[in-house]
């Protein structure tokens, strides 16, 4: 205990004004020492919390080459390779959602999209309006949407924003739900939305980070089976037929473009995730 000089500001200031020669209380020094508040950690990285104590955007570390990256990548590869229709349904939603989004952004009337129960037929989107440059963009974006989203997601999770990946996925699924046309498509969109939303709201930081990385790998790999089904020239149907009909550019050119985008996105995103 020490005698405190008059006029010093702190917890005992009122006592110093009334009785300046009174001994200062033992806790008086605490106000002078600014200690950094304790920070939560997940696997060694700090968590960011808002004033209400809720975990904010940075929910956990996803470091290049970490175990979560390898495990999620392996699971995504197994899903895309062996589950066929189930894994392909999410990619089809993203694919058709790309058509819908481009149609909406270009000001064209969009009647909606649907996912066929027969995986071989993929899905279909109906965008109205006459010929125009935007019609070209609507047709070409479908097979690019999943790989580009996967590449963007890879950058987000490595930047500590796995939570953003989850909520962006929920937002895009809500957008897709507004344009889904039949019961099967609505069921798929709602099912994926509820599952990802539950992880975003109630999952542990480790689970959130794992699911976010799984979604990223899923998008990076998921369009390759569809491209294989297309063959070299698109077999005269689907997006290649639509684009060749409207541009007179052969379907194999568009298929080659989509293969190029998918491979580049997987190469760049995969190398970043794996730390190469």
C-alpha atoms as a PDB file:
ATOM      1  CA  UNK A   1       0.000   0.000   0.000  1.00  0.00           C
ATOM      2  CA  UNK A   2       1.274   3.455  -0.896  1.00  0.00           C
ATOM      3  CA  UNK A   3       0.259   7.014  -0.274  1.00  0.00           C
ATOM      4  CA  UNK A   4      -1.372   8.479  -3.314  1.00  0.00           C
ATOM      5  CA  UNK A   5      -0.573  12.038  -4.442  1.00  0.00           C
ATOM      6  CA  UNK A   6      -3.523  14.414  -4.734  1.00  0.00           C
ATOM      7  CA  UNK A   7      -5.021  14.949  -8.172  1.00  0.00           C
ATOM      8  CA  UNK A   8      -4.113  11.531  -9.509  1.00  0.00           C
ATOM      9  CA  UNK A   9      -6.899  10.136 -11.673  1.00  0.00           C
ATOM     10  CA  UNK A  10      -8.093   6.574 -11.149  1.00  0.00           C
ATOM     11  CA  UNK A  11     -10.416   4.413  -9.031  1.00  0.00           C
ATOM     12  CA  UNK A  12      -9.464   6.353  -5.879  1.00  0.00           C
ATOM     13  CA  UNK A  13      -9.815   9.854  -7.335  1.00  0.00           C
ATOM     14  CA  UNK A  14     -12.890  10.683  -5.279  1.00  0.00           C
ATOM     15  CA  UNK A  15     -11.039   9.694  -2.109  1.00  0.00           C
ATOM     16  CA  UNK A  16      -8.078  11.819  -3.140  1.00  0.00           C
ATOM     17  CA  UNK A  17     -10.284  14.870  -3.475  1.00  0.00           C
ATOM     18  CA  UNK A  18     -11.964  14.349  -0.114  1.00  0.00           C
ATOM     19  CA  UNK A  19      -9.009  12.984   1.841  1.00  0.00           C
ATOM     20  CA  UNK A  20      -5.780  13.281  -0.151  1.00  0.00           C
ATOM     21  CA  UNK A  21      -3.594  11.819   2.599  1.00  0.00           C
ATOM     22  CA  UNK A  22      -5.561   8.593   2.995  1.00  0.00           C
ATOM     23  CA  UNK A  23      -3.715   5.474   1.952  1.00  0.00           C
ATOM     24  CA  UNK A  24      -4.682   4.185  -1.491  1.00  0.00           C
ATOM     25  CA  UNK A  25      -6.513   0.904  -1.899  1.00  0.00           C
ATOM     26  CA  UNK A  26      -4.602  -2.202  -2.982  1.00  0.00           C
ATOM     27  CA  UNK A  27      -6.414  -2.486  -6.343  1.00  0.00           C
ATOM     28  CA  UNK A  28      -5.522   1.075  -7.318  1.00  0.00           C
ATOM     29  CA  UNK A  29      -2.742   0.050  -9.685  1.00  0.00           C
ATOM     30  CA  UNK A  30      -5.022  -2.048 -11.864  1.00  0.00           C
ATOM     31  CA  UNK A  31      -6.339   0.967 -13.749  1.00  0.00           C
ATOM     32  CA  UNK A  32      -2.796   1.908 -14.741  1.00  0.00           C
ATOM     33  CA  UNK A  33      -1.934  -1.447 -16.246  1.00  0.00           C
ATOM     34  CA  UNK A  34      -3.628  -2.033 -19.554  1.00  0.00           C
ATOM     35  CA  UNK A  35      -3.672  -5.751 -20.017  1.00  0.00           C
ATOM     36  CA  UNK A  36      -4.633  -7.277 -23.336  1.00  0.00           C
ATOM     37  CA  UNK A  37      -7.908  -9.177 -22.873  1.00  0.00           C
ATOM     38  CA  UNK A  38      -7.619 -12.947 -23.241  1.00  0.00           C
ATOM     39  CA  UNK A  39      -8.345 -14.234 -26.700  1.00  0.00           C
ATOM     40  CA  UNK A  40      -9.914 -17.527 -27.606  1.00  0.00           C
ATOM     41  CA  UNK A  41      -7.963 -19.830 -29.849  1.00  0.00           C
ATOM     42  CA  UNK A  42      -8.817 -22.695 -32.144  1.00  0.00           C
ATOM     43  CA  UNK A  43      -5.822 -24.808 -33.079  1.00  0.00           C
ATOM     44  CA  UNK A  44      -3.559 -21.922 -32.152  1.00  0.00           C
ATOM     45  CA  UNK A  45      -5.261 -19.077 -34.059  1.00  0.00           C
ATOM     46  CA  UNK A  46      -7.230 -16.261 -32.413  1.00  0.00           C
ATOM     47  CA  UNK A  47     -10.959 -16.037 -32.711  1.00  0.00           C
ATOM     48  CA  UNK A  48     -12.583 -12.715 -33.448  1.00  0.00           C
ATOM     49  CA  UNK A  49     -15.590 -11.874 -31.273  1.00  0.00           C
ATOM     50  CA  UNK A  50     -18.016  -9.002 -31.462  1.00  0.00           C
ATOM     51  CA  UNK A  51     -19.271  -7.023 -28.450  1.00  0.00           C
ATOM     52  CA  UNK A  52     -22.022  -9.553 -27.839  1.00  0.00           C
ATOM     53  CA  UNK A  53     -19.564 -12.412 -27.476  1.00  0.00           C
ATOM     54  CA  UNK A  54     -20.524 -14.008 -30.789  1.00  0.00           C
ATOM     55  CA  UNK A  55     -17.793 -15.441 -32.962  1.00  0.00           C
ATOM     56  CA  UNK A  56     -17.429 -13.215 -36.015  1.00  0.00           C
ATOM     57  CA  UNK A  57     -15.976 -13.772 -39.441  1.00  0.00           C
ATOM     58  CA  UNK A  58     -12.674 -15.410 -38.513  1.00  0.00           C
ATOM     59  CA  UNK A  59     -13.730 -18.757 -37.046  1.00  0.00           C
ATOM     60  CA  UNK A  60     -10.714 -20.947 -37.373  1.00  0.00           C
ATOM     61  CA  UNK A  61      -7.479 -21.494 -39.186  1.00  0.00           C
ATOM     62  CA  UNK A  62      -7.331 -23.303 -42.487  1.00  0.00           C
ATOM     63  CA  UNK A  63      -3.652 -23.336 -43.251  1.00  0.00           C
ATOM     64  CA  UNK A  64      -2.323 -24.591 -46.590  1.00  0.00           C
ATOM     65  CA  UNK A  65      -1.593 -28.285 -46.426  1.00  0.00           C
ATOM     66  CA  UNK A  66      -3.278 -28.782 -43.055  1.00  0.00           C
ATOM     67  CA  UNK A  67      -5.073 -31.984 -42.119  1.00  0.00           C
ATOM     68  CA  UNK A  68      -8.532 -30.476 -42.666  1.00  0.00           C
ATOM     69  CA  UNK A  69      -7.589 -29.610 -46.255  1.00  0.00           C
ATOM     70  CA  UNK A  70      -6.460 -33.158 -47.043  1.00  0.00           C
ATOM     71  CA  UNK A  71      -9.397 -34.857 -45.322  1.00  0.00           C
ATOM     72  CA  UNK A  72     -11.993 -32.570 -46.905  1.00  0.00           C
ATOM     73  CA  UNK A  73     -10.359 -32.951 -50.315  1.00  0.00           C
ATOM     74  CA  UNK A  74     -10.409 -36.738 -50.059  1.00  0.00           C
ATOM     75  CA  UNK A  75     -14.066 -36.778 -48.974  1.00  0.00           C
ATOM     76  CA  UNK A  76     -15.015 -34.429 -51.831  1.00  0.00           C
ATOM     77  CA  UNK A  77     -13.168 -36.623 -54.327  1.00  0.00           C
ATOM     78  CA  UNK A  78     -15.011 -39.712 -53.066  1.00  0.00           C
ATOM     79  CA  UNK A  79     -18.359 -37.911 -53.252  1.00  0.00           C
ATOM     80  CA  UNK A  80     -17.814 -36.635 -56.778  1.00  0.00           C
ATOM     81  CA  UNK A  81     -16.412 -39.947 -58.026  1.00  0.00           C
ATOM     82  CA  UNK A  82     -18.729 -42.501 -56.418  1.00  0.00           C
ATOM     83  CA  UNK A  83     -21.994 -40.883 -55.348  1.00  0.00           C
ATOM     84  CA  UNK A  84     -22.923 -39.700 -58.832  1.00  0.00           C
ATOM     85  CA  UNK A  85     -26.390 -38.192 -58.710  1.00  0.00           C
ATOM     86  CA  UNK A  86     -26.232 -37.089 -55.068  1.00  0.00           C
ATOM     87  CA  UNK A  87     -22.982 -35.130 -55.364  1.00  0.00           C
ATOM     88  CA  UNK A  88     -23.900 -33.961 -58.844  1.00  0.00           C
ATOM     89  CA  UNK A  89     -27.195 -32.483 -57.650  1.00  0.00           C
ATOM     90  CA  UNK A  90     -25.469 -29.668 -55.740  1.00  0.00           C
ATOM     91  CA  UNK A  91     -23.206 -28.915 -58.692  1.00  0.00           C
ATOM     92  CA  UNK A  92     -26.241 -28.900 -60.986  1.00  0.00           C
ATOM     93  CA  UNK A  93     -27.953 -26.371 -58.712  1.00  0.00           C
ATOM     94  CA  UNK A  94     -24.849 -24.180 -58.899  1.00  0.00           C
ATOM     95  CA  UNK A  95     -24.622 -24.669 -62.683  1.00  0.00           C
ATOM     96  CA  UNK A  96     -28.233 -23.732 -63.330  1.00  0.00           C
ATOM     97  CA  UNK A  97     -28.000 -20.978 -60.734  1.00  0.00           C
ATOM     98  CA  UNK A  98     -25.215 -19.447 -62.813  1.00  0.00           C
ATOM     99  CA  UNK A  99     -27.535 -19.307 -65.824  1.00  0.00           C
ATOM    100  CA  UNK A 100     -30.289 -17.770 -63.689  1.00  0.00           C
ATOM    101  CA  UNK A 101     -27.995 -15.179 -62.116  1.00  0.00           C
ATOM    102  CA  UNK A 102     -26.595 -14.098 -65.465  1.00  0.00           C
ATOM    103  CA  UNK A 103     -30.089 -13.869 -66.910  1.00  0.00           C
ATOM    104  CA  UNK A 104     -31.257 -11.718 -64.006  1.00  0.00           C
ATOM    105  CA  UNK A 105     -28.182  -9.485 -64.144  1.00  0.00           C
ATOM    106  CA  UNK A 106     -28.607  -8.974 -67.894  1.00  0.00           C
ATOM    107  CA  UNK A 107     -32.257  -7.991 -67.476  1.00  0.00           C
ATOM    108  CA  UNK A 108     -33.720 -11.007 -69.223  1.00  0.00           C
ATOM    109  CA  UNK A 109     -36.930 -12.657 -68.002  1.00  0.00           C
ATOM    110  CA  UNK A 110     -36.114 -15.891 -66.160  1.00  0.00           C
ATOM    111  CA  UNK A 111     -38.938 -18.385 -65.652  1.00  0.00           C
ATOM    112  CA  UNK A 112     -36.829 -20.616 -63.427  1.00  0.00           C
ATOM    113  CA  UNK A 113     -34.728 -23.774 -63.411  1.00  0.00           C
ATOM    114  CA  UNK A 114     -35.087 -27.386 -62.425  1.00  0.00           C
ATOM    115  CA  UNK A 115     -32.825 -30.307 -61.611  1.00  0.00           C
ATOM    116  CA  UNK A 116     -33.784 -33.528 -63.366  1.00  0.00           C
ATOM    117  CA  UNK A 117     -34.118 -36.613 -61.212  1.00  0.00           C
ATOM    118  CA  UNK A 118     -32.206 -38.473 -63.904  1.00  0.00           C
ATOM    119  CA  UNK A 119     -28.637 -37.267 -63.289  1.00  0.00           C
ATOM    120  CA  UNK A 120     -27.633 -37.890 -66.900  1.00  0.00           C
ATOM    121  CA  UNK A 121     -29.974 -35.096 -67.985  1.00  0.00           C
ATOM    122  CA  UNK A 122     -28.560 -32.619 -65.462  1.00  0.00           C
ATOM    123  CA  UNK A 123     -30.912 -29.660 -65.291  1.00  0.00           C
ATOM    124  CA  UNK A 124     -32.542 -26.967 -67.386  1.00  0.00           C
ATOM    125  CA  UNK A 125     -32.993 -23.199 -67.112  1.00  0.00           C
ATOM    126  CA  UNK A 126     -35.442 -21.139 -69.144  1.00  0.00           C
ATOM    127  CA  UNK A 127     -34.252 -17.614 -69.913  1.00  0.00           C
ATOM    128  CA  UNK A 128     -36.407 -15.624 -72.312  1.00  0.00           C
ATOM    129  CA  UNK A 129     -35.614 -12.803 -74.729  1.00  0.00           C
ATOM    130  CA  UNK A 130     -34.178 -12.439 -78.202  1.00  0.00           C
ATOM    131  CA  UNK A 131     -30.618 -12.719 -79.393  1.00  0.00           C
ATOM    132  CA  UNK A 132     -28.003 -10.476 -77.804  1.00  0.00           C
ATOM    133  CA  UNK A 133     -24.573 -10.508 -76.233  1.00  0.00           C
ATOM    134  CA  UNK A 134     -26.137 -11.260 -72.876  1.00  0.00           C
ATOM    135  CA  UNK A 135     -27.584 -14.439 -74.375  1.00  0.00           C
ATOM    136  CA  UNK A 136     -24.018 -15.572 -75.001  1.00  0.00           C
ATOM    137  CA  UNK A 137     -23.063 -14.879 -71.384  1.00  0.00           C
ATOM    138  CA  UNK A 138     -26.121 -16.743 -70.105  1.00  0.00           C
ATOM    139  CA  UNK A 139     -25.137 -19.817 -72.088  1.00  0.00           C
ATOM    140  CA  UNK A 140     -21.428 -19.849 -71.319  1.00  0.00           C
ATOM    141  CA  UNK A 141     -21.490 -19.216 -67.560  1.00  0.00           C
ATOM    142  CA  UNK A 142     -23.075 -22.497 -66.450  1.00  0.00           C
ATOM    143  CA  UNK A 143     -20.050 -24.791 -66.579  1.00  0.00           C
ATOM    144  CA  UNK A 144     -17.822 -22.003 -65.227  1.00  0.00           C
ATOM    145  CA  UNK A 145     -19.862 -21.188 -62.138  1.00  0.00           C
ATOM    146  CA  UNK A 146     -18.834 -24.044 -59.828  1.00  0.00           C
ATOM    147  CA  UNK A 147     -15.067 -23.870 -60.571  1.00  0.00           C
ATOM    148  CA  UNK A 148     -15.003 -20.081 -60.186  1.00  0.00           C
ATOM    149  CA  UNK A 149     -16.918 -20.255 -56.907  1.00  0.00           C
ATOM    150  CA  UNK A 150     -14.532 -22.940 -55.711  1.00  0.00           C
ATOM    151  CA  UNK A 151     -11.522 -20.772 -56.525  1.00  0.00           C
ATOM    152  CA  UNK A 152     -13.039 -17.797 -54.722  1.00  0.00           C
ATOM    153  CA  UNK A 153     -13.910 -20.002 -51.758  1.00  0.00           C
ATOM    154  CA  UNK A 154     -10.343 -21.317 -51.548  1.00  0.00           C
ATOM    155  CA  UNK A 155      -9.055 -17.783 -51.142  1.00  0.00           C
ATOM    156  CA  UNK A 156     -11.660 -17.050 -48.467  1.00  0.00           C
ATOM    157  CA  UNK A 157     -10.987 -20.104 -46.297  1.00  0.00           C
ATOM    158  CA  UNK A 158      -7.240 -19.540 -46.440  1.00  0.00           C
ATOM    159  CA  UNK A 159      -7.882 -15.949 -45.362  1.00  0.00           C
ATOM    160  CA  UNK A 160      -9.678 -17.217 -42.255  1.00  0.00           C
ATOM    161  CA  UNK A 161     -13.169 -16.557 -43.616  1.00  0.00           C
ATOM    162  CA  UNK A 162     -14.676 -20.033 -43.675  1.00  0.00           C
ATOM    163  CA  UNK A 163     -17.769 -18.574 -41.999  1.00  0.00           C
ATOM    164  CA  UNK A 164     -18.233 -16.300 -45.030  1.00  0.00           C
ATOM    165  CA  UNK A 165     -18.132 -19.316 -47.338  1.00  0.00           C
ATOM    166  CA  UNK A 166     -20.936 -20.980 -45.382  1.00  0.00           C
ATOM    167  CA  UNK A 167     -23.208 -17.936 -45.313  1.00  0.00           C
ATOM    168  CA  UNK A 168     -22.491 -17.081 -48.951  1.00  0.00           C
ATOM    169  CA  UNK A 169     -23.582 -20.641 -49.786  1.00  0.00           C
ATOM    170  CA  UNK A 170     -26.803 -20.179 -47.808  1.00  0.00           C
ATOM    171  CA  UNK A 171     -27.487 -16.859 -49.534  1.00  0.00           C
ATOM    172  CA  UNK A 172     -26.958 -18.356 -53.000  1.00  0.00           C
ATOM    173  CA  UNK A 173     -29.234 -21.289 -52.149  1.00  0.00           C
ATOM    174  CA  UNK A 174     -31.963 -18.866 -51.032  1.00  0.00           C
ATOM    175  CA  UNK A 175     -31.564 -17.087 -54.368  1.00  0.00           C
ATOM    176  CA  UNK A 176     -31.831 -20.444 -56.151  1.00  0.00           C
ATOM    177  CA  UNK A 177     -34.957 -21.314 -54.154  1.00  0.00           C
ATOM    178  CA  UNK A 178     -36.684 -18.213 -55.511  1.00  0.00           C
ATOM    179  CA  UNK A 179     -36.257 -19.586 -59.042  1.00  0.00           C
ATOM    180  CA  UNK A 180     -36.685 -23.337 -58.481  1.00  0.00           C
ATOM    181  CA  UNK A 181     -39.600 -24.710 -60.507  1.00  0.00           C
ATOM    182  CA  UNK A 182     -40.582 -28.174 -59.293  1.00  0.00           C
ATOM    183  CA  UNK A 183     -40.854 -30.169 -56.078  1.00  0.00           C
ATOM    184  CA  UNK A 184     -37.661 -32.190 -56.542  1.00  0.00           C
ATOM    185  CA  UNK A 185     -35.572 -29.069 -57.184  1.00  0.00           C
ATOM    186  CA  UNK A 186     -37.106 -27.258 -54.211  1.00  0.00           C
ATOM    187  CA  UNK A 187     -36.456 -30.272 -52.004  1.00  0.00           C
ATOM    188  CA  UNK A 188     -32.790 -30.361 -52.979  1.00  0.00           C
ATOM    189  CA  UNK A 189     -32.254 -26.627 -52.508  1.00  0.00           C
ATOM    190  CA  UNK A 190     -34.000 -26.559 -49.126  1.00  0.00           C
ATOM    191  CA  UNK A 191     -32.143 -29.669 -47.957  1.00  0.00           C
ATOM    192  CA  UNK A 192     -28.709 -28.291 -48.791  1.00  0.00           C
ATOM    193  CA  UNK A 193     -29.639 -24.871 -47.399  1.00  0.00           C
ATOM    194  CA  UNK A 194     -30.839 -26.265 -44.065  1.00  0.00           C
ATOM    195  CA  UNK A 195     -27.769 -28.461 -43.680  1.00  0.00           C
ATOM    196  CA  UNK A 196     -25.247 -25.724 -44.448  1.00  0.00           C
ATOM    197  CA  UNK A 197     -27.238 -23.190 -42.443  1.00  0.00           C
ATOM    198  CA  UNK A 198     -27.237 -25.477 -39.386  1.00  0.00           C
ATOM    199  CA  UNK A 199     -23.457 -25.832 -39.610  1.00  0.00           C
ATOM    200  CA  UNK A 200     -23.062 -22.047 -39.924  1.00  0.00           C
ATOM    201  CA  UNK A 201     -25.297 -21.362 -36.897  1.00  0.00           C
ATOM    202  CA  UNK A 202     -24.705 -24.287 -34.538  1.00  0.00           C
ATOM    203  CA  UNK A 203     -21.566 -26.061 -35.697  1.00  0.00           C
ATOM    204  CA  UNK A 204     -18.290 -25.809 -33.813  1.00  0.00           C
ATOM    205  CA  UNK A 205     -15.539 -23.700 -35.408  1.00  0.00           C
ATOM    206  CA  UNK A 206     -13.706 -26.858 -36.459  1.00  0.00           C
ATOM    207  CA  UNK A 207     -16.842 -28.297 -38.084  1.00  0.00           C
ATOM    208  CA  UNK A 208     -17.552 -24.995 -39.840  1.00  0.00           C
ATOM    209  CA  UNK A 209     -14.023 -24.832 -41.222  1.00  0.00           C
ATOM    210  CA  UNK A 210     -14.177 -28.474 -42.366  1.00  0.00           C
ATOM    211  CA  UNK A 211     -17.518 -28.081 -44.142  1.00  0.00           C
ATOM    212  CA  UNK A 212     -16.375 -24.845 -45.788  1.00  0.00           C
ATOM    213  CA  UNK A 213     -13.255 -26.530 -47.178  1.00  0.00           C
ATOM    214  CA  UNK A 214     -15.352 -29.524 -48.266  1.00  0.00           C
ATOM    215  CA  UNK A 215     -17.657 -27.207 -50.232  1.00  0.00           C
ATOM    216  CA  UNK A 216     -14.653 -25.528 -51.839  1.00  0.00           C
ATOM    217  CA  UNK A 217     -13.189 -28.841 -53.009  1.00  0.00           C
ATOM    218  CA  UNK A 218     -16.657 -29.970 -54.107  1.00  0.00           C
ATOM    219  CA  UNK A 219     -17.003 -26.950 -56.377  1.00  0.00           C
ATOM    220  CA  UNK A 220     -13.459 -27.262 -57.730  1.00  0.00           C
ATOM    221  CA  UNK A 221     -13.942 -30.924 -58.682  1.00  0.00           C
ATOM    222  CA  UNK A 222     -17.667 -31.235 -59.181  1.00  0.00           C
ATOM    223  CA  UNK A 223     -18.040 -30.101 -62.780  1.00  0.00           C
ATOM    224  CA  UNK A 224     -15.592 -32.599 -64.264  1.00  0.00           C
ATOM    225  CA  UNK A 225     -18.078 -35.515 -64.416  1.00  0.00           C
ATOM    226  CA  UNK A 226     -20.493 -33.282 -66.316  1.00  0.00           C
ATOM    227  CA  UNK A 227     -17.781 -32.297 -68.769  1.00  0.00           C
ATOM    228  CA  UNK A 228     -16.913 -35.949 -69.313  1.00  0.00           C
ATOM    229  CA  UNK A 229     -20.567 -36.672 -70.105  1.00  0.00           C
ATOM    230  CA  UNK A 230     -20.558 -33.868 -72.677  1.00  0.00           C
ATOM    231  CA  UNK A 231     -17.875 -35.590 -74.715  1.00  0.00           C
ATOM    232  CA  UNK A 232     -15.840 -33.678 -77.272  1.00  0.00           C
ATOM    233  CA  UNK A 233     -18.515 -31.603 -78.952  1.00  0.00           C
ATOM    234  CA  UNK A 234     -21.410 -31.667 -76.543  1.00  0.00           C
ATOM    235  CA  UNK A 235     -23.280 -34.408 -78.476  1.00  0.00           C
ATOM    236  CA  UNK A 236     -25.557 -31.824 -80.049  1.00  0.00           C
ATOM    237  CA  UNK A 237     -27.478 -30.958 -76.867  1.00  0.00           C
ATOM    238  CA  UNK A 238     -27.295 -28.824 -73.768  1.00  0.00           C
ATOM    239  CA  UNK A 239     -25.233 -25.672 -73.441  1.00  0.00           C
ATOM    240  CA  UNK A 240     -22.843 -26.463 -76.339  1.00  0.00           C
ATOM    241  CA  UNK A 241     -25.766 -26.888 -78.728  1.00  0.00           C
ATOM    242  CA  UNK A 242     -27.373 -23.689 -77.407  1.00  0.00           C
ATOM    243  CA  UNK A 243     -24.165 -21.695 -77.915  1.00  0.00           C
ATOM    244  CA  UNK A 244     -23.267 -23.154 -81.305  1.00  0.00           C
ATOM    245  CA  UNK A 245     -26.801 -22.427 -82.513  1.00  0.00           C
ATOM    246  CA  UNK A 246     -26.606 -18.798 -81.410  1.00  0.00           C
ATOM    247  CA  UNK A 247     -22.976 -18.038 -82.327  1.00  0.00           C
ATOM    248  CA  UNK A 248     -22.070 -20.506 -85.116  1.00  0.00           C
ATOM    249  CA  UNK A 249     -19.016 -21.431 -83.066  1.00  0.00           C
ATOM    250  CA  UNK A 250     -18.690 -25.236 -82.914  1.00  0.00           C
ATOM    251  CA  UNK A 251     -19.643 -26.935 -79.688  1.00  0.00           C
ATOM    252  CA  UNK A 252     -16.192 -28.453 -79.148  1.00  0.00           C
ATOM    253  CA  UNK A 253     -14.750 -24.941 -78.794  1.00  0.00           C
ATOM    254  CA  UNK A 254     -17.079 -24.198 -75.890  1.00  0.00           C
ATOM    255  CA  UNK A 255     -16.367 -27.571 -74.296  1.00  0.00           C
ATOM    256  CA  UNK A 256     -12.619 -26.893 -74.571  1.00  0.00           C
ATOM    257  CA  UNK A 257     -13.126 -23.496 -72.927  1.00  0.00           C
ATOM    258  CA  UNK A 258     -14.996 -25.066 -69.985  1.00  0.00           C
ATOM    259  CA  UNK A 259     -12.330 -27.735 -69.560  1.00  0.00           C
ATOM    260  CA  UNK A 260      -9.681 -25.024 -69.530  1.00  0.00           C
ATOM    261  CA  UNK A 261     -11.476 -22.961 -66.869  1.00  0.00           C
ATOM    262  CA  UNK A 262     -12.177 -26.018 -64.692  1.00  0.00           C
ATOM    263  CA  UNK A 263      -8.582 -27.265 -64.875  1.00  0.00           C
ATOM    264  CA  UNK A 264      -7.080 -23.834 -64.174  1.00  0.00           C
ATOM    265  CA  UNK A 265      -9.382 -23.251 -61.193  1.00  0.00           C
ATOM    266  CA  UNK A 266      -8.594 -26.694 -59.760  1.00  0.00           C
ATOM    267  CA  UNK A 267      -4.884 -26.216 -60.378  1.00  0.00           C
ATOM    268  CA  UNK A 268      -4.693 -22.760 -58.798  1.00  0.00           C
ATOM    269  CA  UNK A 269      -7.142 -23.404 -55.975  1.00  0.00           C
ATOM    270  CA  UNK A 270      -5.806 -26.871 -55.230  1.00  0.00           C
ATOM    271  CA  UNK A 271      -2.204 -25.701 -55.095  1.00  0.00           C
ATOM    272  CA  UNK A 272      -3.144 -22.904 -52.737  1.00  0.00           C
ATOM    273  CA  UNK A 273      -5.069 -25.240 -50.450  1.00  0.00           C
ATOM    274  CA  UNK A 274      -2.334 -27.859 -50.420  1.00  0.00           C
ATOM    275  CA  UNK A 275       0.433 -25.298 -49.953  1.00  0.00           C
ATOM    276  CA  UNK A 276       2.379 -26.036 -53.145  1.00  0.00           C
END
